[in-house]
Protein backbone atom coordinates (compact mmCIF):
# COMPACT_ATOMS: atom_id res chain seq x y z
CA MET A 1 0.46 -7.93 -7.31
CA SER A 2 4.19 -8.46 -7.81
CA THR A 3 4.96 -5.66 -5.36
CA ALA A 4 3.04 -7.43 -2.60
CA PRO A 5 3.63 -11.20 -2.66
CA VAL A 6 1.85 -11.56 0.67
CA GLY A 7 -1.27 -10.27 -1.05
CA GLU A 8 -1.48 -13.45 -3.12
CA LYS A 9 -1.81 -15.54 0.03
CA LEU A 10 -4.38 -13.14 1.44
CA LEU A 11 -6.48 -13.35 -1.72
CA GLU A 12 -6.43 -17.14 -1.51
CA ARG A 13 -7.96 -16.89 1.97
CA LEU A 14 -10.58 -14.34 0.98
CA CYS A 15 -13.81 -15.51 2.58
CA THR A 16 -16.02 -12.52 1.94
CA ASN A 17 -18.01 -11.17 -0.92
CA GLN A 18 -16.24 -7.81 -1.13
CA LEU A 19 -12.68 -6.49 -1.30
CA LEU A 20 -11.91 -2.90 -0.24
CA ALA A 21 -8.50 -1.64 -1.31
CA ASP A 22 -6.65 1.55 -2.12
CA ALA A 23 -5.31 2.68 -5.48
CA ALA A 24 -2.05 0.75 -5.04
CA CYS A 25 -4.03 -2.49 -5.52
CA ASP A 26 -5.77 -1.30 -8.67
CA SER A 27 -4.65 -3.84 -11.23
CA ASP A 28 -6.52 -5.95 -13.74
CA ALA A 29 -4.97 -9.13 -12.34
CA ILE A 30 -6.35 -8.51 -8.87
CA CYS A 31 -9.80 -7.60 -10.18
CA VAL A 32 -9.98 -10.71 -12.36
CA ARG A 33 -8.84 -12.97 -9.54
CA VAL A 34 -11.36 -11.55 -7.07
CA LYS A 35 -14.20 -11.82 -9.60
CA ARG A 36 -13.29 -15.49 -10.16
CA MET A 37 -13.91 -15.92 -6.43
CA SER A 38 -17.43 -14.47 -6.90
CA ALA A 39 -16.57 -11.38 -4.87
CA GLN A 40 -16.94 -7.70 -5.70
CA THR A 41 -14.10 -5.21 -5.75
CA CYS A 42 -14.23 -1.68 -4.44
CA ILE A 43 -10.84 -0.30 -5.38
CA LYS A 44 -10.14 3.37 -5.89
CA PRO A 45 -8.90 3.72 -9.49
CA LYS A 46 -5.36 4.90 -10.14
CA ALA A 47 -5.02 8.37 -11.60
CA ASN A 48 -3.38 7.05 -14.77
CA ARG A 49 -5.94 4.32 -15.50
CA LYS A 50 -7.38 4.73 -19.00
CA ALA A 51 -10.60 2.80 -18.46
CA ARG A 52 -11.99 4.16 -15.21
CA LYS A 53 -13.82 1.70 -13.00
CA ARG A 54 -16.61 2.75 -10.73
CA CYS A 55 -16.11 2.51 -7.02
CA ILE A 56 -19.12 3.08 -4.81
CA LYS A 57 -18.07 5.87 -2.46
CA GLU A 58 -20.26 4.66 0.41
CA ARG A 59 -18.44 1.33 0.44
CA TYR A 60 -15.03 2.90 0.00
CA ARG A 61 -15.54 5.11 3.06
CA HIS A 62 -15.55 1.99 5.24
CA ARG A 63 -11.92 1.48 4.29
CA SER A 64 -10.90 4.50 6.36
CA VAL A 65 -12.29 2.86 9.50
CA ILE A 66 -9.99 -0.09 8.92
CA GLU A 67 -7.02 2.19 8.25
CA ARG A 68 -7.64 4.11 11.47
CA PHE A 69 -7.91 0.87 13.44
CA PHE A 70 -4.52 -0.35 12.23
CA GLY A 71 -3.06 3.10 12.88
CA ALA A 72 -4.33 2.90 16.45
CA LEU A 73 -2.77 -0.54 16.88
CA LYS A 74 0.60 0.80 15.71
CA ARG A 75 0.60 3.25 18.63
CA PHE A 76 1.39 0.24 20.81
CA LEU A 77 5.17 0.09 20.52
CA ARG A 78 5.18 -3.61 21.28
CA ILE A 79 3.11 -4.25 18.14
CA ALA A 80 4.81 -1.73 15.87
CA THR A 81 8.30 -3.09 16.56
CA ARG A 82 7.29 -6.73 17.13
CA TYR A 83 9.06 -7.15 20.47
CA ASP A 84 7.59 -10.61 21.03
CA LYS A 85 9.52 -13.38 19.33
CA GLU A 86 6.88 -16.06 19.80
CA ALA A 87 3.87 -15.85 17.49
CA ALA A 88 1.48 -16.82 20.31
CA ASN A 89 2.71 -13.97 22.53
CA PHE A 90 2.44 -11.47 19.68
CA ALA A 91 -1.07 -12.67 18.83
CA GLY A 92 -2.10 -12.44 22.48
CA PHE A 93 -0.95 -8.84 22.79
CA LEU A 94 -2.57 -8.06 19.45
CA TRP A 95 -5.89 -9.28 20.84
CA LEU A 96 -5.38 -7.26 24.02
CA ALA A 97 -4.52 -4.11 22.08
CA SER A 98 -7.58 -4.63 19.87
CA VAL A 99 -9.79 -4.69 22.95
CA LEU A 100 -8.10 -1.63 24.44
CA THR A 101 -8.42 0.35 21.21
CA LYS A 102 -11.65 2.27 21.38
CA PRO A 103 -14.05 1.79 18.46
CA PHE A 104 -14.27 4.49 15.83
């Protein structure tokens, strides 16, 4: 988690019973912390992990929907480059872009 300090704050706000993440987040520290929150992890194991953890493929497939959604949002140049200086303006356009982005 040291490579992503923002991730610590996101884990503190976790209000769900499941965490979907890619192999970059596959660490024992993250898994332990999420389990302490009574949530399940579905993290694709790293290739060099000695003790392989199971990840239910059906659940992990949902992660691609989220990835595609954020990819679609980044097509809006105003979001990708953060033109808006005010947080309220940025959030407003983010909501608008979310509505304009067709569901997958």
